[in-house]
Amino acid sequence: MMKAVPKRLETGKKRPKNTKQKILVAGRRIFAEKGYSHTRIQDLLKAAGVSPGAFYNYFSNKEELFLELVREAGEALRESVQKIRVQGIKVGNQDELFLVLIDSIRYFFEFVDQNRAGLLILFREQQTSNPIIMDTLNLIISEIHRDLKKDIHTGIDMGMIAVADPGIAAWGVLSAISGVTLAYLNNPKIERDKLIQTLSELILLGLFRR
C-alpha cells in the first residue's frame, strides 16, 4: 500500500522566509482565485506585501512569476505520479493492481488536497491563449502521458490490460483524471473516498482485461 507522504506546494500556512517566497505564496493564491488574465501586478504586490522594486528584483512581469508557479506545480504533480508508477508496476496480478490503483488514486487526491492553489493554477489555465504558458503546460502533460503510456504497455505485456492503442488509452485516463480533479477542486462537497472508488472502478472497466 502507498505509504509516501504527498509533497506539498503551498507554503502559505507558514511564514515565508524571504521576499521571493512571499511573492510565490501570494502568486499561488491570487492566480488561483482570479486566474492569470484577471490578475494585476498591483494585486500581487498587495497580497505579498512587497514594493514594486522588490517584485521586479525577482520577476520581470507577472508572466514570469506565473510560469515559475506552473513549472513548480507541474513538477510536483509529475513526481506524485511517478511515485504511483513505481508502486504499480511491482504487482503480479490484476487484483493486486486494482488495490494499488485505489491506493494510488487516494494518494493523488491527498496530494490534490494539500496543493489546491498550485493545482488550480495548472488545471484552470489549460485553455490559455498565451503561447508560452500553453507550451509549458503541454510539456508537463506530454511527459506525464509518456510515463502513463509506458505503464499501459507494461500492463499489456503482463496480460492484465487490454486496449487497442496504449497512447489513446493514456490520453483517456489523463482526461478522466484531469476532469475529475478540476471538478473536485471547484466543488468541496464532493466526497473524496467516493470519488476515489468510482474513478478506480472506471479505470478498471476501461483498461483491465476481463
N, C-alpha and C. Protein backbone atom coordinates (compact mmCIF):
# COMPACT_ATOMS: atom_id res chain seq x y z
N MET A 1 0.85 -1.20 0.00
CA MET A 1 0.00 0.00 0.00
C MET A 1 0.88 1.25 0.00
N MET A 2 0.32 2.33 -0.53
CA MET A 2 1.11 3.55 -0.67
C MET A 2 1.36 4.19 0.69
N LYS A 3 2.62 4.43 1.01
CA LYS A 3 2.98 4.99 2.30
C LYS A 3 3.63 6.36 2.19
N ALA A 4 4.00 6.76 0.97
CA ALA A 4 4.72 8.03 0.82
C ALA A 4 3.84 9.20 1.22
N VAL A 5 4.44 10.22 1.76
CA VAL A 5 3.72 11.43 2.13
C VAL A 5 3.69 12.36 0.94
N PRO A 6 2.50 12.82 0.49
CA PRO A 6 2.43 13.69 -0.66
C PRO A 6 3.26 14.96 -0.47
N LYS A 7 3.94 15.35 -1.53
CA LYS A 7 4.75 16.55 -1.49
C LYS A 7 3.85 17.78 -1.47
N ARG A 8 4.18 18.75 -0.64
CA ARG A 8 3.38 19.96 -0.54
C ARG A 8 3.96 21.06 -1.40
N LEU A 9 3.05 21.82 -2.03
CA LEU A 9 3.45 23.01 -2.77
C LEU A 9 3.18 24.27 -1.97
N GLU A 10 2.04 24.32 -1.31
CA GLU A 10 1.62 25.54 -0.66
C GLU A 10 2.41 25.78 0.61
N THR A 11 2.88 26.99 0.76
CA THR A 11 3.60 27.36 1.98
C THR A 11 2.92 28.53 2.67
N GLY A 12 1.70 28.83 2.25
CA GLY A 12 1.01 29.97 2.80
C GLY A 12 0.69 29.86 4.28
N LYS A 13 0.64 28.65 4.80
CA LYS A 13 0.35 28.46 6.22
C LYS A 13 1.58 28.66 7.10
N LYS A 14 2.74 28.73 6.45
CA LYS A 14 3.96 29.01 7.18
C LYS A 14 4.46 30.40 6.79
N ARG A 15 5.18 31.02 7.67
CA ARG A 15 5.69 32.35 7.37
C ARG A 15 6.81 32.26 6.34
N PRO A 16 6.66 32.95 5.18
CA PRO A 16 7.69 32.90 4.15
C PRO A 16 9.03 33.38 4.70
N LYS A 17 10.10 32.74 4.26
CA LYS A 17 11.42 33.05 4.80
C LYS A 17 12.06 34.25 4.13
N ASN A 18 11.66 34.58 2.89
CA ASN A 18 12.28 35.69 2.19
C ASN A 18 11.30 36.35 1.24
N THR A 19 11.73 37.42 0.60
CA THR A 19 10.85 38.20 -0.27
C THR A 19 10.34 37.38 -1.44
N LYS A 20 11.22 36.64 -2.09
CA LYS A 20 10.78 35.83 -3.23
C LYS A 20 9.73 34.82 -2.80
N GLN A 21 9.92 34.22 -1.64
CA GLN A 21 8.95 33.25 -1.15
C GLN A 21 7.61 33.91 -0.88
N LYS A 22 7.63 35.13 -0.36
CA LYS A 22 6.39 35.87 -0.15
C LYS A 22 5.65 36.07 -1.46
N ILE A 23 6.39 36.41 -2.50
CA ILE A 23 5.78 36.65 -3.81
C ILE A 23 5.20 35.35 -4.38
N LEU A 24 5.93 34.24 -4.23
CA LEU A 24 5.45 32.96 -4.73
C LEU A 24 4.18 32.51 -4.00
N VAL A 25 4.17 32.67 -2.69
CA VAL A 25 2.99 32.29 -1.90
C VAL A 25 1.79 33.13 -2.31
N ALA A 26 2.01 34.43 -2.44
CA ALA A 26 0.92 35.32 -2.85
C ALA A 26 0.48 35.00 -4.27
N GLY A 27 1.43 34.70 -5.15
CA GLY A 27 1.09 34.39 -6.53
C GLY A 27 0.22 33.16 -6.64
N ARG A 28 0.54 32.11 -5.88
CA ARG A 28 -0.29 30.91 -5.91
C ARG A 28 -1.74 31.24 -5.55
N ARG A 29 -1.89 32.01 -4.48
CA ARG A 29 -3.24 32.31 -4.01
C ARG A 29 -4.01 33.21 -4.97
N ILE A 30 -3.38 34.28 -5.44
CA ILE A 30 -4.08 35.25 -6.29
C ILE A 30 -4.37 34.67 -7.66
N PHE A 31 -3.41 33.98 -8.27
CA PHE A 31 -3.66 33.38 -9.58
C PHE A 31 -4.75 32.32 -9.48
N ALA A 32 -4.77 31.56 -8.37
CA ALA A 32 -5.80 30.55 -8.19
C ALA A 32 -7.17 31.18 -8.02
N GLU A 33 -7.23 32.32 -7.35
CA GLU A 33 -8.50 32.99 -7.12
C GLU A 33 -9.01 33.73 -8.35
N LYS A 34 -8.13 34.45 -9.02
CA LYS A 34 -8.54 35.34 -10.10
C LYS A 34 -8.29 34.79 -11.49
N GLY A 35 -7.37 33.83 -11.61
CA GLY A 35 -6.94 33.40 -12.94
C GLY A 35 -5.84 34.31 -13.45
N TYR A 36 -5.13 33.84 -14.46
CA TYR A 36 -3.98 34.60 -14.97
C TYR A 36 -4.40 35.94 -15.57
N SER A 37 -5.38 35.94 -16.45
CA SER A 37 -5.73 37.15 -17.20
C SER A 37 -6.30 38.25 -16.32
N HIS A 38 -6.93 37.90 -15.20
CA HIS A 38 -7.56 38.91 -14.34
C HIS A 38 -6.67 39.35 -13.17
N THR A 39 -5.48 38.79 -13.10
CA THR A 39 -4.56 39.17 -12.03
C THR A 39 -3.68 40.33 -12.49
N ARG A 40 -3.59 41.35 -11.66
CA ARG A 40 -2.73 42.51 -11.96
C ARG A 40 -1.50 42.49 -11.05
N ILE A 41 -0.48 43.17 -11.50
CA ILE A 41 0.72 43.29 -10.67
C ILE A 41 0.37 43.89 -9.31
N GLN A 42 -0.53 44.87 -9.31
CA GLN A 42 -0.93 45.51 -8.05
C GLN A 42 -1.55 44.50 -7.09
N ASP A 43 -2.31 43.54 -7.62
CA ASP A 43 -2.90 42.50 -6.77
C ASP A 43 -1.82 41.67 -6.10
N LEU A 44 -0.79 41.35 -6.89
CA LEU A 44 0.30 40.53 -6.37
C LEU A 44 1.11 41.27 -5.32
N LEU A 45 1.38 42.57 -5.59
CA LEU A 45 2.14 43.38 -4.64
C LEU A 45 1.41 43.49 -3.31
N LYS A 46 0.11 43.74 -3.38
CA LYS A 46 -0.69 43.90 -2.17
C LYS A 46 -0.74 42.59 -1.37
N ALA A 47 -0.96 41.47 -2.08
CA ALA A 47 -1.06 40.19 -1.40
C ALA A 47 0.26 39.77 -0.76
N ALA A 48 1.36 40.10 -1.44
CA ALA A 48 2.68 39.72 -0.92
C ALA A 48 3.22 40.71 0.10
N GLY A 49 2.68 41.94 0.09
CA GLY A 49 3.18 42.97 0.99
C GLY A 49 4.58 43.43 0.63
N VAL A 50 4.84 43.55 -0.68
CA VAL A 50 6.16 43.97 -1.14
C VAL A 50 6.02 45.17 -2.07
N SER A 51 7.12 45.85 -2.28
CA SER A 51 7.15 47.02 -3.16
C SER A 51 7.35 46.58 -4.60
N PRO A 52 7.03 47.47 -5.57
CA PRO A 52 7.31 47.13 -6.98
C PRO A 52 8.78 46.78 -7.21
N GLY A 53 9.68 47.52 -6.57
CA GLY A 53 11.10 47.24 -6.73
C GLY A 53 11.48 45.85 -6.26
N ALA A 54 10.89 45.44 -5.15
CA ALA A 54 11.17 44.10 -4.63
C ALA A 54 10.66 43.03 -5.59
N PHE A 55 9.47 43.26 -6.16
CA PHE A 55 8.90 42.29 -7.10
C PHE A 55 9.79 42.16 -8.34
N TYR A 56 10.16 43.31 -8.91
CA TYR A 56 10.92 43.28 -10.16
C TYR A 56 12.38 42.86 -9.95
N ASN A 57 12.78 42.77 -8.72
CA ASN A 57 14.11 42.23 -8.44
C ASN A 57 14.17 40.73 -8.72
N TYR A 58 12.99 40.06 -8.70
CA TYR A 58 12.92 38.62 -8.91
C TYR A 58 12.20 38.23 -10.20
N PHE A 59 11.22 39.03 -10.62
CA PHE A 59 10.42 38.68 -11.79
C PHE A 59 10.24 39.92 -12.67
N SER A 60 10.40 39.75 -13.97
CA SER A 60 10.29 40.89 -14.88
C SER A 60 8.85 41.27 -15.14
N ASN A 61 7.92 40.35 -14.96
CA ASN A 61 6.50 40.62 -15.16
C ASN A 61 5.68 39.49 -14.53
N LYS A 62 4.35 39.59 -14.61
CA LYS A 62 3.51 38.56 -13.98
C LYS A 62 3.61 37.24 -14.72
N GLU A 63 3.89 37.28 -16.03
CA GLU A 63 4.03 36.05 -16.80
C GLU A 63 5.19 35.20 -16.28
N GLU A 64 6.30 35.85 -15.98
CA GLU A 64 7.46 35.12 -15.48
C GLU A 64 7.16 34.46 -14.14
N LEU A 65 6.46 35.17 -13.26
CA LEU A 65 6.05 34.59 -11.99
C LEU A 65 5.10 33.43 -12.21
N PHE A 66 4.15 33.62 -13.10
CA PHE A 66 3.15 32.59 -13.37
C PHE A 66 3.81 31.32 -13.91
N LEU A 67 4.76 31.50 -14.83
CA LEU A 67 5.43 30.34 -15.42
C LEU A 67 6.22 29.57 -14.37
N GLU A 68 6.84 30.28 -13.44
CA GLU A 68 7.57 29.58 -12.38
C GLU A 68 6.61 28.76 -11.52
N LEU A 69 5.45 29.32 -11.23
CA LEU A 69 4.46 28.60 -10.44
C LEU A 69 3.89 27.41 -11.20
N VAL A 70 3.68 27.57 -12.50
CA VAL A 70 3.18 26.46 -13.32
C VAL A 70 4.20 25.33 -13.37
N ARG A 71 5.46 25.68 -13.59
CA ARG A 71 6.50 24.64 -13.63
C ARG A 71 6.63 23.94 -12.29
N GLU A 72 6.52 24.72 -11.21
CA GLU A 72 6.60 24.15 -9.86
C GLU A 72 5.46 23.16 -9.63
N ALA A 73 4.24 23.58 -9.99
CA ALA A 73 3.08 22.71 -9.81
C ALA A 73 3.19 21.47 -10.69
N GLY A 74 3.62 21.67 -11.93
CA GLY A 74 3.74 20.55 -12.85
C GLY A 74 4.78 19.54 -12.41
N GLU A 75 5.91 20.00 -11.92
CA GLU A 75 6.96 19.10 -11.47
C GLU A 75 6.51 18.32 -10.24
N ALA A 76 5.84 19.00 -9.31
CA ALA A 76 5.35 18.30 -8.12
C ALA A 76 4.30 17.27 -8.50
N LEU A 77 3.44 17.61 -9.48
CA LEU A 77 2.43 16.68 -9.94
C LEU A 77 3.08 15.46 -10.59
N ARG A 78 4.08 15.69 -11.41
CA ARG A 78 4.75 14.57 -12.08
C ARG A 78 5.47 13.68 -11.06
N GLU A 79 6.09 14.28 -10.06
CA GLU A 79 6.75 13.49 -9.02
C GLU A 79 5.73 12.61 -8.30
N SER A 80 4.55 13.18 -8.07
CA SER A 80 3.49 12.42 -7.42
C SER A 80 3.09 11.23 -8.28
N VAL A 81 2.90 11.47 -9.57
CA VAL A 81 2.51 10.40 -10.50
C VAL A 81 3.61 9.34 -10.60
N GLN A 82 4.87 9.76 -10.58
CA GLN A 82 5.97 8.80 -10.67
C GLN A 82 6.02 7.88 -9.45
N LYS A 83 5.69 8.40 -8.27
CA LYS A 83 5.62 7.56 -7.08
C LYS A 83 4.55 6.49 -7.26
N ILE A 84 3.42 6.90 -7.86
CA ILE A 84 2.34 5.96 -8.13
C ILE A 84 2.81 4.90 -9.12
N ARG A 85 3.54 5.29 -10.16
CA ARG A 85 4.01 4.36 -11.18
C ARG A 85 4.92 3.30 -10.57
N VAL A 86 5.85 3.73 -9.74
CA VAL A 86 6.81 2.80 -9.14
C VAL A 86 6.08 1.74 -8.33
N GLN A 87 5.05 2.15 -7.61
CA GLN A 87 4.28 1.20 -6.81
C GLN A 87 3.49 0.25 -7.71
N GLY A 88 2.91 0.78 -8.77
CA GLY A 88 2.00 0.00 -9.59
C GLY A 88 2.67 -1.09 -10.40
N ILE A 89 3.88 -0.88 -10.89
CA ILE A 89 4.48 -1.85 -11.79
C ILE A 89 5.10 -3.04 -11.05
N LYS A 90 5.06 -3.05 -9.73
CA LYS A 90 5.64 -4.15 -8.96
C LYS A 90 4.65 -5.28 -8.70
N VAL A 91 3.37 -5.05 -8.95
CA VAL A 91 2.36 -6.05 -8.61
C VAL A 91 2.38 -7.19 -9.62
N GLY A 92 1.83 -8.34 -9.19
CA GLY A 92 1.92 -9.51 -10.04
C GLY A 92 0.61 -10.03 -10.60
N ASN A 93 -0.52 -9.49 -10.16
CA ASN A 93 -1.79 -9.93 -10.73
C ASN A 93 -2.79 -8.77 -10.73
N GLN A 94 -3.93 -9.02 -11.37
CA GLN A 94 -4.89 -7.95 -11.59
C GLN A 94 -5.52 -7.46 -10.29
N ASP A 95 -5.82 -8.37 -9.36
CA ASP A 95 -6.41 -7.96 -8.09
C ASP A 95 -5.47 -7.03 -7.32
N GLU A 96 -4.19 -7.39 -7.30
CA GLU A 96 -3.21 -6.54 -6.62
C GLU A 96 -3.09 -5.19 -7.32
N LEU A 97 -3.13 -5.22 -8.66
CA LEU A 97 -3.02 -3.98 -9.42
C LEU A 97 -4.19 -3.05 -9.12
N PHE A 98 -5.38 -3.63 -8.98
CA PHE A 98 -6.55 -2.80 -8.68
C PHE A 98 -6.44 -2.19 -7.29
N LEU A 99 -5.95 -2.95 -6.31
CA LEU A 99 -5.75 -2.40 -4.97
C LEU A 99 -4.72 -1.28 -4.99
N VAL A 100 -3.66 -1.47 -5.76
CA VAL A 100 -2.65 -0.42 -5.89
C VAL A 100 -3.26 0.79 -6.57
N LEU A 101 -4.11 0.56 -7.57
CA LEU A 101 -4.76 1.66 -8.27
C LEU A 101 -5.59 2.50 -7.31
N ILE A 102 -6.38 1.86 -6.47
CA ILE A 102 -7.19 2.59 -5.50
C ILE A 102 -6.30 3.38 -4.55
N ASP A 103 -5.26 2.72 -4.03
CA ASP A 103 -4.37 3.38 -3.08
C ASP A 103 -3.61 4.53 -3.74
N SER A 104 -3.24 4.34 -5.01
CA SER A 104 -2.51 5.37 -5.73
C SER A 104 -3.39 6.59 -6.00
N ILE A 105 -4.64 6.34 -6.38
CA ILE A 105 -5.56 7.46 -6.61
C ILE A 105 -5.84 8.18 -5.30
N ARG A 106 -5.94 7.43 -4.21
CA ARG A 106 -6.11 8.07 -2.90
C ARG A 106 -4.91 8.96 -2.58
N TYR A 107 -3.72 8.45 -2.83
CA TYR A 107 -2.50 9.23 -2.62
C TYR A 107 -2.55 10.51 -3.47
N PHE A 108 -2.96 10.35 -4.73
CA PHE A 108 -3.01 11.51 -5.63
C PHE A 108 -3.96 12.58 -5.10
N PHE A 109 -5.13 12.19 -4.63
CA PHE A 109 -6.10 13.19 -4.17
C PHE A 109 -5.74 13.75 -2.79
N GLU A 110 -4.95 13.03 -2.01
CA GLU A 110 -4.37 13.64 -0.82
C GLU A 110 -3.40 14.74 -1.24
N PHE A 111 -2.63 14.45 -2.28
CA PHE A 111 -1.72 15.45 -2.86
C PHE A 111 -2.52 16.66 -3.36
N VAL A 112 -3.65 16.41 -4.03
CA VAL A 112 -4.50 17.50 -4.52
C VAL A 112 -4.98 18.37 -3.36
N ASP A 113 -5.45 17.74 -2.29
CA ASP A 113 -5.95 18.49 -1.14
C ASP A 113 -4.86 19.37 -0.53
N GLN A 114 -3.63 18.91 -0.54
CA GLN A 114 -2.54 19.65 0.08
C GLN A 114 -1.96 20.71 -0.85
N ASN A 115 -2.35 20.71 -2.12
CA ASN A 115 -1.76 21.61 -3.10
C ASN A 115 -2.81 22.28 -3.98
N ARG A 116 -3.92 22.64 -3.35
CA ARG A 116 -5.05 23.15 -4.13
C ARG A 116 -4.71 24.40 -4.94
N ALA A 117 -4.04 25.36 -4.35
CA ALA A 117 -3.76 26.61 -5.06
C ALA A 117 -2.89 26.37 -6.28
N GLY A 118 -1.81 25.62 -6.10
CA GLY A 118 -0.93 25.36 -7.23
C GLY A 118 -1.61 24.59 -8.34
N LEU A 119 -2.43 23.60 -7.98
CA LEU A 119 -3.09 22.78 -8.99
C LEU A 119 -4.24 23.52 -9.65
N LEU A 120 -4.91 24.41 -8.94
CA LEU A 120 -5.93 25.24 -9.58
C LEU A 120 -5.31 26.08 -10.69
N ILE A 121 -4.13 26.60 -10.43
CA ILE A 121 -3.42 27.35 -11.47
C ILE A 121 -3.18 26.46 -12.68
N LEU A 122 -2.70 25.26 -12.43
CA LEU A 122 -2.33 24.35 -13.51
C LEU A 122 -3.55 23.94 -14.33
N PHE A 123 -4.63 23.53 -13.66
CA PHE A 123 -5.78 22.99 -14.37
C PHE A 123 -6.65 24.08 -15.00
N ARG A 124 -6.79 25.22 -14.34
CA ARG A 124 -7.66 26.26 -14.88
C ARG A 124 -7.08 26.95 -16.11
N GLU A 125 -5.78 26.91 -16.26
CA GLU A 125 -5.17 27.64 -17.37
C GLU A 125 -4.85 26.74 -18.57
N GLN A 126 -5.45 25.57 -18.63
CA GLN A 126 -5.16 24.66 -19.74
C GLN A 126 -5.60 25.22 -21.08
N GLN A 127 -6.56 26.11 -21.10
CA GLN A 127 -7.04 26.68 -22.35
C GLN A 127 -6.55 28.12 -22.56
N THR A 128 -5.46 28.47 -21.91
CA THR A 128 -4.95 29.83 -22.04
C THR A 128 -4.54 30.14 -23.48
N SER A 129 -4.64 31.41 -23.85
CA SER A 129 -4.25 31.82 -25.20
C SER A 129 -2.79 32.26 -25.26
N ASN A 130 -2.12 32.32 -24.10
CA ASN A 130 -0.72 32.71 -24.07
C ASN A 130 0.14 31.54 -24.55
N PRO A 131 0.86 31.70 -25.68
CA PRO A 131 1.59 30.56 -26.25
C PRO A 131 2.71 30.03 -25.36
N ILE A 132 3.38 30.90 -24.59
CA ILE A 132 4.46 30.46 -23.72
C ILE A 132 3.91 29.61 -22.59
N ILE A 133 2.82 30.06 -22.00
CA ILE A 133 2.18 29.30 -20.93
C ILE A 133 1.65 27.98 -21.47
N MET A 134 1.05 28.02 -22.66
CA MET A 134 0.50 26.82 -23.26
C MET A 134 1.59 25.80 -23.56
N ASP A 135 2.73 26.27 -24.05
CA ASP A 135 3.85 25.36 -24.34
C ASP A 135 4.36 24.70 -23.06
N THR A 136 4.41 25.47 -21.97
CA THR A 136 4.86 24.92 -20.69
C THR A 136 3.89 23.86 -20.19
N LEU A 137 2.60 24.14 -20.27
CA LEU A 137 1.59 23.18 -19.84
C LEU A 137 1.63 21.92 -20.70
N ASN A 138 1.77 22.10 -22.02
CA ASN A 138 1.80 20.95 -22.92
C ASN A 138 3.00 20.05 -22.64
N LEU A 139 4.13 20.65 -22.28
CA LEU A 139 5.32 19.86 -21.96
C LEU A 139 5.08 19.01 -20.72
N ILE A 140 4.49 19.62 -19.69
CA ILE A 140 4.20 18.88 -18.46
C ILE A 140 3.25 17.72 -18.74
N ILE A 141 2.19 18.01 -19.49
CA ILE A 141 1.18 16.98 -19.77
C ILE A 141 1.75 15.87 -20.64
N SER A 142 2.58 16.24 -21.63
CA SER A 142 3.14 15.23 -22.53
C SER A 142 4.09 14.29 -21.79
N GLU A 143 4.82 14.82 -20.80
CA GLU A 143 5.73 13.98 -20.02
C GLU A 143 4.95 12.97 -19.18
N ILE A 144 3.85 13.42 -18.57
CA ILE A 144 3.01 12.51 -17.78
C ILE A 144 2.37 11.47 -18.69
N HIS A 145 1.93 11.90 -19.88
CA HIS A 145 1.32 10.98 -20.84
C HIS A 145 2.32 9.91 -21.27
N ARG A 146 3.56 10.31 -21.52
CA ARG A 146 4.60 9.36 -21.93
C ARG A 146 4.82 8.29 -20.86
N ASP A 147 4.87 8.72 -19.59
CA ASP A 147 5.06 7.78 -18.48
C ASP A 147 3.89 6.81 -18.39
N LEU A 148 2.68 7.35 -18.49
CA LEU A 148 1.49 6.51 -18.37
C LEU A 148 1.39 5.52 -19.52
N LYS A 149 1.75 5.95 -20.72
CA LYS A 149 1.73 5.06 -21.89
C LYS A 149 2.66 3.87 -21.67
N LYS A 150 3.84 4.13 -21.10
CA LYS A 150 4.78 3.04 -20.81
C LYS A 150 4.16 2.03 -19.84
N ASP A 151 3.44 2.53 -18.84
CA ASP A 151 2.85 1.64 -17.85
C ASP A 151 1.71 0.82 -18.44
N ILE A 152 0.97 1.41 -19.37
CA ILE A 152 -0.09 0.65 -20.04
C ILE A 152 0.53 -0.46 -20.88
N HIS A 153 1.64 -0.15 -21.56
CA HIS A 153 2.37 -1.18 -22.30
C HIS A 153 2.80 -2.32 -21.37
N THR A 154 3.29 -1.95 -20.18
CA THR A 154 3.70 -2.96 -19.20
C THR A 154 2.52 -3.85 -18.81
N GLY A 155 1.38 -3.22 -18.57
CA GLY A 155 0.17 -3.97 -18.23
C GLY A 155 -0.26 -4.91 -19.34
N ILE A 156 -0.10 -4.47 -20.59
CA ILE A 156 -0.43 -5.33 -21.73
C ILE A 156 0.51 -6.53 -21.78
N ASP A 157 1.80 -6.27 -21.59
CA ASP A 157 2.79 -7.34 -21.62
C ASP A 157 2.56 -8.36 -20.50
N MET A 158 2.01 -7.89 -19.37
CA MET A 158 1.74 -8.78 -18.25
C MET A 158 0.40 -9.50 -18.39
N GLY A 159 -0.34 -9.16 -19.46
CA GLY A 159 -1.62 -9.80 -19.70
C GLY A 159 -2.75 -9.29 -18.85
N MET A 160 -2.60 -8.09 -18.25
CA MET A 160 -3.62 -7.56 -17.35
C MET A 160 -4.43 -6.44 -17.97
N ILE A 161 -3.94 -5.84 -19.03
CA ILE A 161 -4.61 -4.72 -19.67
C ILE A 161 -4.88 -5.07 -21.12
N ALA A 162 -6.08 -4.70 -21.59
CA ALA A 162 -6.46 -4.98 -22.97
C ALA A 162 -7.01 -3.72 -23.62
N VAL A 163 -6.18 -3.04 -24.40
CA VAL A 163 -6.62 -1.86 -25.14
C VAL A 163 -5.99 -1.91 -26.53
N ALA A 164 -6.66 -1.30 -27.51
CA ALA A 164 -6.16 -1.32 -28.88
C ALA A 164 -4.96 -0.39 -29.07
N ASP A 165 -4.98 0.75 -28.38
CA ASP A 165 -3.92 1.74 -28.57
C ASP A 165 -3.51 2.32 -27.22
N PRO A 166 -2.33 1.97 -26.70
CA PRO A 166 -1.89 2.47 -25.38
C PRO A 166 -1.81 3.99 -25.31
N GLY A 167 -1.41 4.63 -26.40
CA GLY A 167 -1.31 6.09 -26.41
C GLY A 167 -2.66 6.76 -26.22
N ILE A 168 -3.65 6.28 -26.97
CA ILE A 168 -5.00 6.83 -26.84
C ILE A 168 -5.57 6.51 -25.46
N ALA A 169 -5.30 5.31 -24.97
CA ALA A 169 -5.77 4.94 -23.63
C ALA A 169 -5.17 5.85 -22.57
N ALA A 170 -3.88 6.18 -22.72
CA ALA A 170 -3.23 7.08 -21.76
C ALA A 170 -3.88 8.46 -21.78
N TRP A 171 -4.20 8.96 -22.97
CA TRP A 171 -4.90 10.26 -23.05
C TRP A 171 -6.27 10.17 -22.39
N GLY A 172 -6.96 9.03 -22.58
CA GLY A 172 -8.28 8.87 -21.97
C GLY A 172 -8.21 8.89 -20.45
N VAL A 173 -7.23 8.19 -19.88
CA VAL A 173 -7.06 8.18 -18.43
C VAL A 173 -6.71 9.58 -17.93
N LEU A 174 -5.80 10.26 -18.62
CA LEU A 174 -5.42 11.61 -18.21
C LEU A 174 -6.61 12.56 -18.27
N SER A 175 -7.40 12.44 -19.33
CA SER A 175 -8.57 13.32 -19.46
C SER A 175 -9.57 13.08 -18.34
N ALA A 176 -9.77 11.80 -18.00
CA ALA A 176 -10.70 11.48 -16.91
C ALA A 176 -10.21 12.03 -15.59
N ILE A 177 -8.94 11.81 -15.29
CA ILE A 177 -8.38 12.29 -14.03
C ILE A 177 -8.37 13.81 -13.98
N SER A 178 -8.01 14.44 -15.11
CA SER A 178 -7.97 15.90 -15.16
C SER A 178 -9.35 16.50 -14.92
N GLY A 179 -10.36 15.94 -15.61
CA GLY A 179 -11.72 16.46 -15.45
C GLY A 179 -12.25 16.28 -14.04
N VAL A 180 -12.02 15.10 -13.47
CA VAL A 180 -12.49 14.83 -12.11
C VAL A 180 -11.74 15.70 -11.10
N THR A 181 -10.44 15.89 -11.32
CA THR A 181 -9.65 16.71 -10.40
C THR A 181 -10.14 18.15 -10.40
N LEU A 182 -10.40 18.71 -11.58
CA LEU A 182 -10.89 20.09 -11.65
C LEU A 182 -12.25 20.22 -10.96
N ALA A 183 -13.12 19.24 -11.18
CA ALA A 183 -14.42 19.27 -10.50
C ALA A 183 -14.24 19.20 -8.99
N TYR A 184 -13.32 18.36 -8.54
CA TYR A 184 -13.05 18.21 -7.11
C TYR A 184 -12.47 19.49 -6.52
N LEU A 185 -11.59 20.14 -7.25
CA LEU A 185 -11.01 21.40 -6.78
C LEU A 185 -12.06 22.49 -6.65
N ASN A 186 -13.03 22.47 -7.54
CA ASN A 186 -14.05 23.53 -7.57
C ASN A 186 -15.27 23.22 -6.72
N ASN A 187 -15.39 21.99 -6.26
CA ASN A 187 -16.59 21.60 -5.51
C ASN A 187 -16.20 20.86 -4.23
N PRO A 188 -16.14 21.58 -3.12
CA PRO A 188 -15.73 20.96 -1.85
C PRO A 188 -16.72 19.94 -1.32
N LYS A 189 -17.92 19.85 -1.90
CA LYS A 189 -18.92 18.90 -1.42
C LYS A 189 -18.68 17.49 -1.95
N ILE A 190 -17.82 17.34 -2.95
CA ILE A 190 -17.54 16.00 -3.47
C ILE A 190 -16.80 15.19 -2.40
N GLU A 191 -17.29 14.00 -2.12
CA GLU A 191 -16.67 13.13 -1.12
C GLU A 191 -15.44 12.44 -1.72
N ARG A 192 -14.30 12.63 -1.10
CA ARG A 192 -13.06 12.11 -1.67
C ARG A 192 -13.06 10.59 -1.77
N ASP A 193 -13.51 9.90 -0.73
CA ASP A 193 -13.49 8.44 -0.75
C ASP A 193 -14.38 7.88 -1.86
N LYS A 194 -15.55 8.49 -2.04
CA LYS A 194 -16.46 8.03 -3.09
C LYS A 194 -15.86 8.32 -4.47
N LEU A 195 -15.22 9.46 -4.60
CA LEU A 195 -14.57 9.83 -5.85
C LEU A 195 -13.47 8.82 -6.20
N ILE A 196 -12.64 8.47 -5.21
CA ILE A 196 -11.53 7.53 -5.42
C ILE A 196 -12.05 6.17 -5.88
N GLN A 197 -13.07 5.65 -5.20
CA GLN A 197 -13.62 4.35 -5.55
C GLN A 197 -14.21 4.36 -6.95
N THR A 198 -14.99 5.39 -7.27
CA THR A 198 -15.65 5.47 -8.57
C THR A 198 -14.64 5.61 -9.70
N LEU A 199 -13.64 6.47 -9.51
CA LEU A 199 -12.63 6.67 -10.54
C LEU A 199 -11.82 5.39 -10.76
N SER A 200 -11.50 4.68 -9.69
CA SER A 200 -10.78 3.42 -9.81
C SER A 200 -11.59 2.40 -10.58
N GLU A 201 -12.88 2.31 -10.29
CA GLU A 201 -13.75 1.38 -11.00
C GLU A 201 -13.85 1.74 -12.48
N LEU A 202 -13.91 3.02 -12.78
CA LEU A 202 -13.99 3.48 -14.16
C LEU A 202 -12.74 3.07 -14.95
N ILE A 203 -11.58 3.27 -14.35
CA ILE A 203 -10.32 2.90 -15.00
C ILE A 203 -10.22 1.38 -15.13
N LEU A 204 -10.69 0.65 -14.11
CA LEU A 204 -10.68 -0.81 -14.16
C LEU A 204 -11.50 -1.31 -15.35
N LEU A 205 -12.71 -0.78 -15.52
CA LEU A 205 -13.58 -1.22 -16.60
C LEU A 205 -13.01 -0.85 -17.96
N GLY A 206 -12.30 0.27 -18.01
CA GLY A 206 -11.80 0.73 -19.29
C GLY A 206 -10.50 0.06 -19.75
N LEU A 207 -9.66 -0.35 -18.81
CA LEU A 207 -8.34 -0.83 -19.17
C LEU A 207 -8.12 -2.32 -18.94
N PHE A 208 -8.61 -2.84 -17.82
CA PHE A 208 -8.18 -4.17 -17.41
C PHE A 208 -8.83 -5.28 -18.26
N ARG A 209 -8.04 -6.29 -18.50
CA ARG A 209 -8.54 -7.47 -19.21
C ARG A 209 -9.48 -8.25 -18.30
N ARG A 210 -10.63 -8.62 -18.86
CA ARG A 210 -11.63 -9.31 -18.06
C ARG A 210 -11.83 -10.74 -18.56
